[in-house]
Amino acid sequence: MSLLYLLGYLIAPLLFIKAEDPKSVVKRLRFAYRLVGVKIIETDSTDSRERTIFLCPYRNLFTDRYGKREFCHNRLDQVDVGLSSYLKKHKNIKYDVPKGCSDTKANSEYCYSEVSIP
């Protein structure tokens, strides 16, 4: 368990206070994304699933040390894993952490996350 995971798990109760459904959870996630500089490109809602397509501003950070996108998508994502664990355990909401940087319709530089009820 990493410190970034713990950070995500510890801030989750504050971030998701009174959030009981995917719409309210994703609203708070999008706020948090913007707060840390993530550029939201597109949002999509179908049935009980909320999707956010975004561009991680940190994707090229430390590329010489970790490789392309490694820091953004494998290190910083640990915060999201902590948020996801909290939502699953305490709210029964599924938060699929950011993924898919090469399989979205926006193609390659963009990622997406999804929130739904399991």
C-alpha atoms as a PDB file:
ATOM      1  CA  MET A   1       0.000   0.000   0.000  1.00  0.00           C
ATOM      2  CA  SER A   2       1.514   3.317  -1.071  1.00  0.00           C
ATOM      3  CA  LEU A   3       1.301   6.731   0.533  1.00  0.00           C
ATOM      4  CA  LEU A   4      -0.616   8.001  -2.498  1.00  0.00           C
ATOM      5  CA  TYR A   5      -3.197   5.239  -2.035  1.00  0.00           C
ATOM      6  CA  LEU A   6      -3.594   6.216   1.620  1.00  0.00           C
ATOM      7  CA  LEU A   7      -3.959   9.864   0.643  1.00  0.00           C
ATOM      8  CA  GLY A   8      -6.801   8.965  -1.725  1.00  0.00           C
ATOM      9  CA  TYR A   9      -8.512   6.785   0.858  1.00  0.00           C
ATOM     10  CA  LEU A  10      -8.209   9.448   3.570  1.00  0.00           C
ATOM     11  CA  ILE A  11      -9.539  12.360   1.497  1.00  0.00           C
ATOM     12  CA  ALA A  12     -12.416  10.295   0.079  1.00  0.00           C
ATOM     13  CA  PRO A  13     -14.795  10.765   3.054  1.00  0.00           C
ATOM     14  CA  LEU A  14     -14.496  14.535   2.687  1.00  0.00           C
ATOM     15  CA  LEU A  15     -14.720  14.522  -1.101  1.00  0.00           C
ATOM     16  CA  PHE A  16     -17.734  12.221  -1.211  1.00  0.00           C
ATOM     17  CA  ILE A  17     -19.706  13.489   1.776  1.00  0.00           C
ATOM     18  CA  LYS A  18     -23.429  13.060   1.007  1.00  0.00           C
ATOM     19  CA  ALA A  19     -22.622  11.571  -2.433  1.00  0.00           C
ATOM     20  CA  GLU A  20     -24.827   8.502  -2.748  1.00  0.00           C
ATOM     21  CA  ASP A  21     -25.151   7.865  -6.488  1.00  0.00           C
ATOM     22  CA  PRO A  22     -22.887   7.886  -9.562  1.00  0.00           C
ATOM     23  CA  LYS A  23     -24.005  11.374 -10.661  1.00  0.00           C
ATOM     24  CA  SER A  24     -23.116  13.005  -7.357  1.00  0.00           C
ATOM     25  CA  VAL A  25     -19.852  11.049  -7.086  1.00  0.00           C
ATOM     26  CA  VAL A  26     -18.725  11.946 -10.597  1.00  0.00           C
ATOM     27  CA  LYS A  27     -19.575  15.603 -10.011  1.00  0.00           C
ATOM     28  CA  ARG A  28     -17.146  15.630  -7.093  1.00  0.00           C
ATOM     29  CA  LEU A  29     -14.514  13.640  -9.003  1.00  0.00           C
ATOM     30  CA  ARG A  30     -14.639  16.112 -11.879  1.00  0.00           C
ATOM     31  CA  PHE A  31     -14.219  18.947  -9.392  1.00  0.00           C
ATOM     32  CA  ALA A  32     -11.171  17.188  -7.919  1.00  0.00           C
ATOM     33  CA  TYR A  33      -9.754  16.529 -11.407  1.00  0.00           C
ATOM     34  CA  ARG A  34     -10.023  20.219 -12.278  1.00  0.00           C
ATOM     35  CA  LEU A  35      -8.572  21.218  -8.937  1.00  0.00           C
ATOM     36  CA  VAL A  36      -5.321  19.373  -9.700  1.00  0.00           C
ATOM     37  CA  GLY A  37      -5.116  20.654 -13.274  1.00  0.00           C
ATOM     38  CA  VAL A  38      -6.694  17.810 -15.247  1.00  0.00           C
ATOM     39  CA  LYS A  39      -8.376  19.046 -18.414  1.00  0.00           C
ATOM     40  CA  ILE A  40     -11.766  17.413 -18.930  1.00  0.00           C
ATOM     41  CA  ILE A  41     -12.403  16.894 -22.637  1.00  0.00           C
ATOM     42  CA  GLU A  42     -15.793  15.192 -22.695  1.00  0.00           C
ATOM     43  CA  THR A  43     -18.412  13.759 -20.367  1.00  0.00           C
ATOM     44  CA  ASP A  44     -20.895  11.025 -21.154  1.00  0.00           C
ATOM     45  CA  SER A  45     -23.815   9.585 -19.238  1.00  0.00           C
ATOM     46  CA  THR A  46     -25.705   6.387 -20.058  1.00  0.00           C
ATOM     47  CA  ASP A  47     -28.043   4.519 -17.753  1.00  0.00           C
ATOM     48  CA  SER A  48     -26.257   4.410 -14.399  1.00  0.00           C
ATOM     49  CA  ARG A  49     -22.717   4.916 -15.792  1.00  0.00           C
ATOM     50  CA  GLU A  50     -20.882   8.234 -15.904  1.00  0.00           C
ATOM     51  CA  ARG A  51     -17.756   8.546 -18.069  1.00  0.00           C
ATOM     52  CA  THR A  52     -15.189  11.342 -18.059  1.00  0.00           C
ATOM     53  CA  ILE A  53     -12.603  11.662 -20.841  1.00  0.00           C
ATOM     54  CA  PHE A  54      -9.648  13.801 -19.870  1.00  0.00           C
ATOM     55  CA  LEU A  55      -6.049  14.783 -20.516  1.00  0.00           C
ATOM     56  CA  CYS A  56      -3.579  14.285 -17.673  1.00  0.00           C
ATOM     57  CA  PRO A  57      -1.307  17.339 -17.474  1.00  0.00           C
ATOM     58  CA  TYR A  58       1.384  15.244 -15.802  1.00  0.00           C
ATOM     59  CA  ARG A  59       1.653  12.607 -18.529  1.00  0.00           C
ATOM     60  CA  ASN A  60       5.122  13.750 -19.607  1.00  0.00           C
ATOM     61  CA  LEU A  61       6.449  14.401 -16.111  1.00  0.00           C
ATOM     62  CA  PHE A  62       9.532  12.326 -15.257  1.00  0.00           C
ATOM     63  CA  THR A  63       9.485  10.581 -18.651  1.00  0.00           C
ATOM     64  CA  ASP A  64      13.258  10.314 -18.605  1.00  0.00           C
ATOM     65  CA  ARG A  65      13.097   8.431 -15.294  1.00  0.00           C
ATOM     66  CA  TYR A  66       9.910   6.361 -15.574  1.00  0.00           C
ATOM     67  CA  GLY A  67       9.041   6.339 -19.273  1.00  0.00           C
ATOM     68  CA  LYS A  68       6.172   7.863 -21.222  1.00  0.00           C
ATOM     69  CA  ARG A  69       3.022   8.279 -19.123  1.00  0.00           C
ATOM     70  CA  GLU A  70       4.381   6.007 -16.389  1.00  0.00           C
ATOM     71  CA  PHE A  71       4.392   8.639 -13.636  1.00  0.00           C
ATOM     72  CA  CYS A  72       0.924   9.923 -14.444  1.00  0.00           C
ATOM     73  CA  HIS A  73      -0.782   6.622 -15.062  1.00  0.00           C
ATOM     74  CA  ASN A  74       0.979   4.216 -12.740  1.00  0.00           C
ATOM     75  CA  ARG A  75       2.154   6.401  -9.866  1.00  0.00           C
ATOM     76  CA  LEU A  76      -0.413   9.187  -9.489  1.00  0.00           C
ATOM     77  CA  ASP A  77      -3.249   6.772 -10.199  1.00  0.00           C
ATOM     78  CA  GLN A  78      -2.646   5.303  -6.748  1.00  0.00           C
ATOM     79  CA  VAL A  79      -4.643   8.244  -5.349  1.00  0.00           C
ATOM     80  CA  ASP A  80      -7.547   7.136  -7.559  1.00  0.00           C
ATOM     81  CA  VAL A  81      -7.166   3.542  -6.365  1.00  0.00           C
ATOM     82  CA  GLY A  82      -7.599   4.803  -2.795  1.00  0.00           C
ATOM     83  CA  LEU A  83     -10.714   6.767  -3.806  1.00  0.00           C
ATOM     84  CA  SER A  84     -12.054   3.711  -5.626  1.00  0.00           C
ATOM     85  CA  SER A  85     -11.506   1.452  -2.602  1.00  0.00           C
ATOM     86  CA  TYR A  86     -13.364   3.871  -0.361  1.00  0.00           C
ATOM     87  CA  LEU A  87     -16.317   4.190  -2.755  1.00  0.00           C
ATOM     88  CA  LYS A  88     -16.628   0.432  -3.150  1.00  0.00           C
ATOM     89  CA  LYS A  89     -16.427  -0.290   0.567  1.00  0.00           C
ATOM     90  CA  HIS A  90     -18.477   2.577   1.990  1.00  0.00           C
ATOM     91  CA  LYS A  91     -20.819   3.720  -0.799  1.00  0.00           C
ATOM     92  CA  ASN A  92     -21.266   0.587  -2.960  1.00  0.00           C
ATOM     93  CA  ILE A  93     -20.278   2.626  -6.000  1.00  0.00           C
ATOM     94  CA  LYS A  94     -17.830   1.394  -8.614  1.00  0.00           C
ATOM     95  CA  TYR A  95     -15.165   3.879  -9.689  1.00  0.00           C
ATOM     96  CA  ASP A  96     -13.088   2.535 -12.557  1.00  0.00           C
ATOM     97  CA  VAL A  97      -9.854   4.424 -12.156  1.00  0.00           C
ATOM     98  CA  PRO A  98      -8.374   6.274 -15.141  1.00  0.00           C
ATOM     99  CA  LYS A  99      -7.382   4.019 -18.020  1.00  0.00           C
ATOM    100  CA  GLY A 100      -7.585   3.598 -21.770  1.00  0.00           C
ATOM    101  CA  CYS A 101      -5.160   6.196 -22.994  1.00  0.00           C
ATOM    102  CA  SER A 102      -5.025   4.538 -26.387  1.00  0.00           C
ATOM    103  CA  ASP A 103      -8.501   3.067 -26.777  1.00  0.00           C
ATOM    104  CA  THR A 104     -10.835   6.077 -26.489  1.00  0.00           C
ATOM    105  CA  LYS A 105     -12.384   7.793 -29.460  1.00  0.00           C
ATOM    106  CA  ALA A 106     -10.246  10.811 -28.610  1.00  0.00           C
ATOM    107  CA  ASN A 107      -7.216   8.527 -29.229  1.00  0.00           C
ATOM    108  CA  SER A 108      -3.887   8.162 -27.467  1.00  0.00           C
ATOM    109  CA  GLU A 109      -3.347  11.255 -25.317  1.00  0.00           C
ATOM    110  CA  TYR A 110      -6.698  10.976 -23.565  1.00  0.00           C
ATOM    111  CA  CYS A 111      -7.825   8.740 -20.735  1.00  0.00           C
ATOM    112  CA  TYR A 112     -11.170   8.019 -19.182  1.00  0.00           C
ATOM    113  CA  SER A 113     -12.686   7.019 -15.885  1.00  0.00           C
ATOM    114  CA  GLU A 114     -16.124   5.619 -15.144  1.00  0.00           C
ATOM    115  CA  VAL A 115     -18.457   5.655 -12.169  1.00  0.00           C
ATOM    116  CA  SER A 116     -21.379   3.243 -11.849  1.00  0.00           C
ATOM    117  CA  ILE A 117     -23.282   1.003  -9.502  1.00  0.00           C
ATOM    118  CA  PRO A 118     -21.857  -2.545  -9.438  1.00  0.00           C
END
